[in-house]
Amino acid sequence: MRIASRVSELSLHGCYLDMMNPFPMGTMVLVKIAAGDAFFEARSKIIYSQPNMGAGVGFLQIAPGSQAVLERWLDGAEKEQQKQT
């Protein structure tokens, strides 16, 4: 099953998925995130679920090459935040 969702609160260890009908806590999911030409994929687990809001996801196994993509995104976000302060 494929479900599109907005990603927020992205970190090295997980993220938050905004969705109206989140999966129950403990559900195993494959998270795929694309931004521009970069792609991230990780086997993950729903660590908390908020009905009509979304779910917190913990990354369990990050696909080869995806760790570097994630770190690049986070570095870019940090630099962007520093520019604004």
C-alpha atoms as a PDB file:
ATOM      1  CA  MET A   1       0.000   0.000   0.000  1.00  0.00           C
ATOM      2  CA  ARG A   2       1.352   3.423  -0.926  1.00  0.00           C
ATOM      3  CA  ILE A   3       0.287   6.545   0.976  1.00  0.00           C
ATOM      4  CA  ALA A   4       1.515  10.051   0.200  1.00  0.00           C
ATOM      5  CA  SER A   5       2.237  12.195   3.229  1.00  0.00           C
ATOM      6  CA  ARG A   6       3.916  15.443   4.186  1.00  0.00           C
ATOM      7  CA  VAL A   7       7.129  14.982   6.159  1.00  0.00           C
ATOM      8  CA  SER A   8       8.126  17.230   9.048  1.00  0.00           C
ATOM      9  CA  GLU A   9      10.455  17.105  12.044  1.00  0.00           C
ATOM     10  CA  LEU A  10      13.072  15.226  10.010  1.00  0.00           C
ATOM     11  CA  SER A  11      16.107  14.031  11.991  1.00  0.00           C
ATOM     12  CA  LEU A  12      18.862  11.428  11.776  1.00  0.00           C
ATOM     13  CA  HIS A  13      16.645   8.967  13.651  1.00  0.00           C
ATOM     14  CA  GLY A  14      13.142   9.559  12.314  1.00  0.00           C
ATOM     15  CA  CYS A  15      10.465  12.001  11.212  1.00  0.00           C
ATOM     16  CA  TYR A  16       6.823  12.958  11.596  1.00  0.00           C
ATOM     17  CA  LEU A  17       4.335  12.074   8.851  1.00  0.00           C
ATOM     18  CA  ASP A  18       1.278  14.325   8.534  1.00  0.00           C
ATOM     19  CA  MET A  19      -1.694  12.103   7.630  1.00  0.00           C
ATOM     20  CA  MET A  20      -5.372  11.922   8.496  1.00  0.00           C
ATOM     21  CA  ASN A  21      -5.438   8.166   9.128  1.00  0.00           C
ATOM     22  CA  PRO A  22      -2.047   7.194  10.550  1.00  0.00           C
ATOM     23  CA  PHE A  23      -0.979   3.600  11.012  1.00  0.00           C
ATOM     24  CA  PRO A  24      -1.180   2.171  14.541  1.00  0.00           C
ATOM     25  CA  MET A  25       1.828   2.275  16.853  1.00  0.00           C
ATOM     26  CA  GLY A  26       4.229  -0.584  16.119  1.00  0.00           C
ATOM     27  CA  THR A  27       3.396  -0.834  12.397  1.00  0.00           C
ATOM     28  CA  MET A  28       6.433  -1.469  10.193  1.00  0.00           C
ATOM     29  CA  VAL A  29       6.621   0.875   7.181  1.00  0.00           C
ATOM     30  CA  LEU A  30       8.999   1.691   4.337  1.00  0.00           C
ATOM     31  CA  VAL A  31       9.540   5.459   4.302  1.00  0.00           C
ATOM     32  CA  LYS A  32      10.530   6.988   0.969  1.00  0.00           C
ATOM     33  CA  ILE A  33      11.249  10.710   0.739  1.00  0.00           C
ATOM     34  CA  ALA A  34      12.063  12.548  -2.471  1.00  0.00           C
ATOM     35  CA  ALA A  35      13.158  16.178  -2.755  1.00  0.00           C
ATOM     36  CA  GLY A  36      14.425  17.473  -6.064  1.00  0.00           C
ATOM     37  CA  ASP A  37      16.719  14.796  -7.468  1.00  0.00           C
ATOM     38  CA  ALA A  38      17.595  13.362  -4.018  1.00  0.00           C
ATOM     39  CA  PHE A  39      15.944  10.255  -2.614  1.00  0.00           C
ATOM     40  CA  PHE A  40      15.877   8.716   0.881  1.00  0.00           C
ATOM     41  CA  GLU A  41      14.561   5.299   1.907  1.00  0.00           C
ATOM     42  CA  ALA A  42      14.434   3.534   5.271  1.00  0.00           C
ATOM     43  CA  ARG A  43      12.668   0.598   6.878  1.00  0.00           C
ATOM     44  CA  SER A  44      10.901   2.217   9.800  1.00  0.00           C
ATOM     45  CA  LYS A  45       8.451   1.736  12.646  1.00  0.00           C
ATOM     46  CA  ILE A  46       5.524   3.873  13.810  1.00  0.00           C
ATOM     47  CA  ILE A  47       6.533   4.899  17.338  1.00  0.00           C
ATOM     48  CA  TYR A  48       3.438   6.979  18.097  1.00  0.00           C
ATOM     49  CA  SER A  49       0.189   7.704  16.307  1.00  0.00           C
ATOM     50  CA  GLN A  50      -2.139  10.712  16.584  1.00  0.00           C
ATOM     51  CA  PRO A  51      -5.571  10.193  14.947  1.00  0.00           C
ATOM     52  CA  ASN A  52      -6.462  12.851  12.349  1.00  0.00           C
ATOM     53  CA  MET A  53      -2.949  14.341  12.648  1.00  0.00           C
ATOM     54  CA  GLY A  54      -0.119  11.952  11.856  1.00  0.00           C
ATOM     55  CA  ALA A  55       2.516   9.611  13.167  1.00  0.00           C
ATOM     56  CA  GLY A  56       6.021   9.660  14.575  1.00  0.00           C
ATOM     57  CA  VAL A  57       8.347   7.302  12.721  1.00  0.00           C
ATOM     58  CA  GLY A  58      11.666   5.844  13.859  1.00  0.00           C
ATOM     59  CA  PHE A  59      14.169   4.796  11.198  1.00  0.00           C
ATOM     60  CA  LEU A  60      15.382   1.230  11.767  1.00  0.00           C
ATOM     61  CA  GLN A  61      17.404   0.427   8.644  1.00  0.00           C
ATOM     62  CA  ILE A  62      18.458   3.205   6.282  1.00  0.00           C
ATOM     63  CA  ALA A  63      19.080   2.142   2.680  1.00  0.00           C
ATOM     64  CA  PRO A  64      22.659   2.357   1.341  1.00  0.00           C
ATOM     65  CA  GLY A  65      23.366   5.872   0.118  1.00  0.00           C
ATOM     66  CA  SER A  66      20.344   7.320   1.901  1.00  0.00           C
ATOM     67  CA  GLN A  67      22.281   8.238   5.059  1.00  0.00           C
ATOM     68  CA  ALA A  68      24.408  10.705   3.067  1.00  0.00           C
ATOM     69  CA  VAL A  69      21.285  12.214   1.488  1.00  0.00           C
ATOM     70  CA  LEU A  70      19.664  12.650   4.908  1.00  0.00           C
ATOM     71  CA  GLU A  71      22.775  14.274   6.370  1.00  0.00           C
ATOM     72  CA  ARG A  72      23.001  16.643   3.389  1.00  0.00           C
ATOM     73  CA  TRP A  73      19.347  17.687   3.836  1.00  0.00           C
ATOM     74  CA  LEU A  74      19.823  18.274   7.561  1.00  0.00           C
ATOM     75  CA  ASP A  75      23.042  20.265   7.017  1.00  0.00           C
ATOM     76  CA  GLY A  76      21.258  22.400   4.428  1.00  0.00           C
ATOM     77  CA  ALA A  77      18.323  23.036   6.780  1.00  0.00           C
ATOM     78  CA  GLU A  78      20.680  24.012   9.596  1.00  0.00           C
ATOM     79  CA  LYS A  79      22.566  26.464   7.361  1.00  0.00           C
ATOM     80  CA  GLU A  80      19.260  27.943   6.157  1.00  0.00           C
ATOM     81  CA  GLN A  81      18.117  28.425   9.769  1.00  0.00           C
ATOM     82  CA  GLN A  82      21.413  30.122  10.699  1.00  0.00           C
ATOM     83  CA  LYS A  83      20.947  32.597   7.825  1.00  0.00           C
ATOM     84  CA  GLN A  84      17.546  33.600   9.213  1.00  0.00           C
ATOM     85  CA  THR A  85      18.829  34.405  12.718  1.00  0.00           C
END
